N, C-alpha and C. Protein backbone atom coordinates (compact mmCIF):
# COMPACT_ATOMS: atom_id res chain seq x y z
N UNK A 1 71.43 76.36 106.32
CA UNK A 1 71.87 77.32 105.34
C UNK A 1 71.29 76.93 103.98
N UNK A 2 70.70 77.88 103.30
CA UNK A 2 70.14 77.60 101.98
C UNK A 2 71.01 78.28 100.94
N UNK A 3 72.06 77.58 100.53
CA UNK A 3 73.03 78.18 99.62
C UNK A 3 72.92 77.61 98.21
N UNK A 4 71.84 76.90 97.93
CA UNK A 4 71.73 76.22 96.65
C UNK A 4 71.82 77.16 95.46
N UNK A 5 71.37 78.39 95.62
CA UNK A 5 71.37 79.31 94.49
C UNK A 5 72.55 80.27 94.51
N UNK A 6 73.51 80.04 95.37
CA UNK A 6 74.68 80.91 95.48
C UNK A 6 75.86 80.29 94.73
N UNK A 7 76.60 81.14 94.02
CA UNK A 7 77.82 80.69 93.35
C UNK A 7 78.99 81.00 94.26
N UNK A 8 79.72 79.96 94.65
CA UNK A 8 80.85 80.12 95.58
C UNK A 8 82.13 79.64 94.90
N UNK A 9 83.14 80.50 94.92
CA UNK A 9 84.46 80.15 94.39
C UNK A 9 85.49 80.40 95.48
N UNK A 10 86.35 79.40 95.70
CA UNK A 10 87.43 79.53 96.68
C UNK A 10 88.74 79.53 95.91
N UNK A 11 89.45 80.66 95.97
CA UNK A 11 90.79 80.75 95.39
C UNK A 11 91.75 80.34 96.50
N UNK A 12 92.55 79.30 96.23
CA UNK A 12 93.35 78.72 97.31
C UNK A 12 94.67 78.18 96.78
N UNK A 13 95.49 77.72 97.73
CA UNK A 13 96.71 76.97 97.42
C UNK A 13 96.71 75.72 98.29
N UNK A 14 97.41 74.68 97.86
CA UNK A 14 97.41 73.43 98.63
C UNK A 14 98.06 73.55 100.01
N UNK A 15 98.96 74.52 100.21
CA UNK A 15 99.70 74.61 101.46
C UNK A 15 99.10 75.59 102.46
N UNK A 16 97.96 76.19 102.13
CA UNK A 16 97.35 77.22 102.97
C UNK A 16 96.35 76.59 103.95
N UNK A 17 96.63 76.63 105.26
CA UNK A 17 95.70 76.01 106.21
C UNK A 17 94.33 76.69 106.25
N UNK A 18 94.29 78.01 106.07
CA UNK A 18 93.00 78.71 106.11
C UNK A 18 92.16 78.38 104.89
N UNK A 19 92.82 78.03 103.79
CA UNK A 19 92.10 77.57 102.60
C UNK A 19 91.39 76.25 102.91
N UNK A 20 92.11 75.37 103.59
CA UNK A 20 91.53 74.08 103.98
C UNK A 20 90.35 74.31 104.92
N UNK A 21 90.50 75.21 105.89
CA UNK A 21 89.40 75.51 106.81
C UNK A 21 88.17 76.00 106.05
N UNK A 22 88.38 76.90 105.09
CA UNK A 22 87.26 77.44 104.32
C UNK A 22 86.58 76.34 103.52
N UNK A 23 87.36 75.52 102.83
CA UNK A 23 86.77 74.45 102.01
C UNK A 23 86.06 73.43 102.89
N UNK A 24 86.64 73.12 104.05
CA UNK A 24 85.98 72.19 104.99
C UNK A 24 84.67 72.78 105.49
N UNK A 25 84.66 74.08 105.76
CA UNK A 25 83.43 74.74 106.21
C UNK A 25 82.33 74.56 105.17
N UNK A 26 82.64 74.82 103.90
CA UNK A 26 81.63 74.69 102.85
C UNK A 26 81.18 73.24 102.70
N UNK A 27 82.13 72.31 102.76
CA UNK A 27 81.77 70.88 102.65
C UNK A 27 80.85 70.46 103.80
N UNK A 28 81.22 70.85 105.02
CA UNK A 28 80.43 70.47 106.21
C UNK A 28 79.03 71.05 106.17
N UNK A 29 78.86 72.18 105.49
CA UNK A 29 77.56 72.83 105.40
C UNK A 29 76.86 72.56 104.07
N UNK A 30 77.37 71.56 103.33
CA UNK A 30 76.77 71.14 102.06
C UNK A 30 76.61 72.30 101.08
N UNK A 31 77.64 73.15 101.00
CA UNK A 31 77.65 74.27 100.07
C UNK A 31 78.55 73.89 98.89
N UNK A 32 77.97 73.83 97.72
CA UNK A 32 78.76 73.54 96.52
C UNK A 32 79.68 74.72 96.24
N UNK A 33 80.93 74.42 95.88
CA UNK A 33 81.87 75.49 95.57
C UNK A 33 82.86 75.01 94.52
N UNK A 34 83.46 75.98 93.84
CA UNK A 34 84.52 75.70 92.90
C UNK A 34 85.83 76.05 93.58
N UNK A 35 86.75 75.10 93.59
CA UNK A 35 88.07 75.32 94.18
C UNK A 35 89.05 75.65 93.06
N UNK A 36 89.68 76.82 93.14
CA UNK A 36 90.63 77.25 92.13
C UNK A 36 92.01 77.32 92.78
N UNK A 37 92.92 76.46 92.34
CA UNK A 37 94.29 76.43 92.86
C UNK A 37 95.12 77.48 92.12
N UNK A 38 95.32 78.61 92.78
CA UNK A 38 96.04 79.71 92.14
C UNK A 38 97.55 79.47 92.06
N UNK A 39 98.04 78.44 92.72
CA UNK A 39 99.46 78.12 92.61
C UNK A 39 99.76 77.43 91.28
N UNK A 40 98.74 76.89 90.66
CA UNK A 40 98.93 76.16 89.39
C UNK A 40 98.30 76.87 88.20
N UNK A 41 97.56 77.93 88.46
CA UNK A 41 96.81 78.58 87.39
C UNK A 41 97.07 80.08 87.46
N UNK A 42 98.00 80.55 86.64
CA UNK A 42 98.42 81.96 86.70
C UNK A 42 97.29 82.91 86.33
N UNK A 43 96.46 82.55 85.35
CA UNK A 43 95.36 83.44 84.97
C UNK A 43 94.33 83.54 86.09
N UNK A 44 94.10 82.43 86.80
CA UNK A 44 93.18 82.46 87.94
C UNK A 44 93.77 83.29 89.08
N UNK A 45 95.08 83.22 89.26
CA UNK A 45 95.74 84.03 90.29
C UNK A 45 95.56 85.51 89.97
N UNK A 46 95.71 85.88 88.71
CA UNK A 46 95.52 87.27 88.31
C UNK A 46 94.06 87.70 88.50
N UNK A 47 93.14 86.80 88.17
CA UNK A 47 91.70 87.08 88.37
C UNK A 47 91.42 87.34 89.85
N UNK A 48 92.01 86.52 90.73
CA UNK A 48 91.83 86.66 92.17
C UNK A 48 92.36 88.02 92.63
N UNK A 49 93.54 88.41 92.15
CA UNK A 49 94.15 89.69 92.54
C UNK A 49 93.29 90.85 92.05
N UNK A 50 92.77 90.73 90.84
CA UNK A 50 91.91 91.77 90.28
C UNK A 50 90.63 91.92 91.10
N UNK A 51 90.03 90.80 91.49
CA UNK A 51 88.78 90.84 92.26
C UNK A 51 88.99 91.38 93.67
N UNK A 52 90.09 90.95 94.31
CA UNK A 52 90.25 91.22 95.74
C UNK A 52 91.27 92.31 96.07
N UNK A 53 92.18 92.59 95.15
CA UNK A 53 93.27 93.49 95.46
C UNK A 53 94.31 92.85 96.36
N UNK A 54 94.19 91.55 96.58
CA UNK A 54 95.06 90.82 97.50
C UNK A 54 95.81 89.71 96.77
N UNK A 55 97.00 89.40 97.28
CA UNK A 55 97.76 88.27 96.75
C UNK A 55 97.68 87.08 97.69
N UNK A 56 97.17 87.29 98.89
CA UNK A 56 97.06 86.20 99.87
C UNK A 56 95.81 85.39 99.65
N UNK A 57 95.84 84.16 100.11
CA UNK A 57 94.69 83.26 100.03
C UNK A 57 94.28 82.86 101.44
N UNK A 58 93.06 82.40 101.63
CA UNK A 58 92.04 82.23 100.61
C UNK A 58 91.30 83.53 100.28
N UNK A 59 90.85 83.59 99.06
CA UNK A 59 89.91 84.61 98.63
C UNK A 59 88.65 83.86 98.25
N UNK A 60 87.53 84.28 98.83
CA UNK A 60 86.26 83.60 98.59
C UNK A 60 85.32 84.58 97.90
N UNK A 61 84.74 84.11 96.80
CA UNK A 61 83.77 84.89 96.04
C UNK A 61 82.42 84.21 96.23
N UNK A 62 81.51 84.89 96.93
CA UNK A 62 80.16 84.38 97.13
C UNK A 62 79.22 85.31 96.40
N UNK A 63 78.77 84.87 95.24
CA UNK A 63 77.87 85.67 94.40
C UNK A 63 78.38 87.08 94.16
N UNK A 64 79.69 87.21 93.93
CA UNK A 64 80.25 88.52 93.62
C UNK A 64 80.74 89.31 94.82
N UNK A 65 80.45 88.86 96.03
CA UNK A 65 80.99 89.49 97.23
C UNK A 65 82.31 88.82 97.56
N UNK A 66 83.36 89.60 97.68
CA UNK A 66 84.70 89.07 97.87
C UNK A 66 85.09 89.15 99.35
N UNK A 67 85.53 88.00 99.87
CA UNK A 67 86.03 87.94 101.25
C UNK A 67 87.46 87.42 101.20
N UNK A 68 88.31 87.98 102.03
CA UNK A 68 89.68 87.52 102.12
C UNK A 68 89.88 86.87 103.48
N UNK A 69 90.33 85.62 103.47
CA UNK A 69 90.57 84.90 104.71
C UNK A 69 89.40 84.02 105.09
N UNK A 70 89.60 83.29 106.17
CA UNK A 70 88.58 82.38 106.69
C UNK A 70 87.67 83.16 107.62
N UNK A 71 86.44 83.44 107.17
CA UNK A 71 85.49 84.26 107.92
C UNK A 71 84.13 83.54 107.98
N UNK A 72 84.03 82.48 108.78
CA UNK A 72 82.80 81.69 108.78
C UNK A 72 81.53 82.49 109.09
N UNK A 73 81.63 83.50 109.98
CA UNK A 73 80.44 84.28 110.31
C UNK A 73 79.94 85.02 109.05
N UNK A 74 80.88 85.56 108.28
CA UNK A 74 80.50 86.26 107.05
C UNK A 74 79.98 85.27 105.99
N UNK A 75 80.57 84.09 105.92
CA UNK A 75 80.10 83.08 104.98
C UNK A 75 78.63 82.79 105.25
N UNK A 76 78.30 82.60 106.54
CA UNK A 76 76.93 82.27 106.93
C UNK A 76 75.98 83.40 106.52
N UNK A 77 76.36 84.65 106.80
CA UNK A 77 75.51 85.79 106.43
C UNK A 77 75.25 85.82 104.93
N UNK A 78 76.29 85.62 104.14
CA UNK A 78 76.16 85.72 102.69
C UNK A 78 75.45 84.52 102.07
N UNK A 79 75.44 83.40 102.76
CA UNK A 79 74.83 82.20 102.20
C UNK A 79 73.34 82.05 102.56
N UNK A 80 72.84 82.91 103.43
CA UNK A 80 71.43 82.81 103.83
C UNK A 80 70.53 83.31 102.73
């Protein structure tokens, strides 16, 4: 995967297992990402809701494309 030029943001909470799966996926594939804990950052939580229309996590922003949930197949497509 050549994701060096992709900006990846993971909106997550510490208690969400799918958030952990998503972050582990990016780590295992050497994809740099920003982890935003929406349980501690109200403005980031609002940003996530505005971007995705969802209150659930994880919400993943890959270069402006918003994905909700752990979707490794979609991550791979967007990171190529």
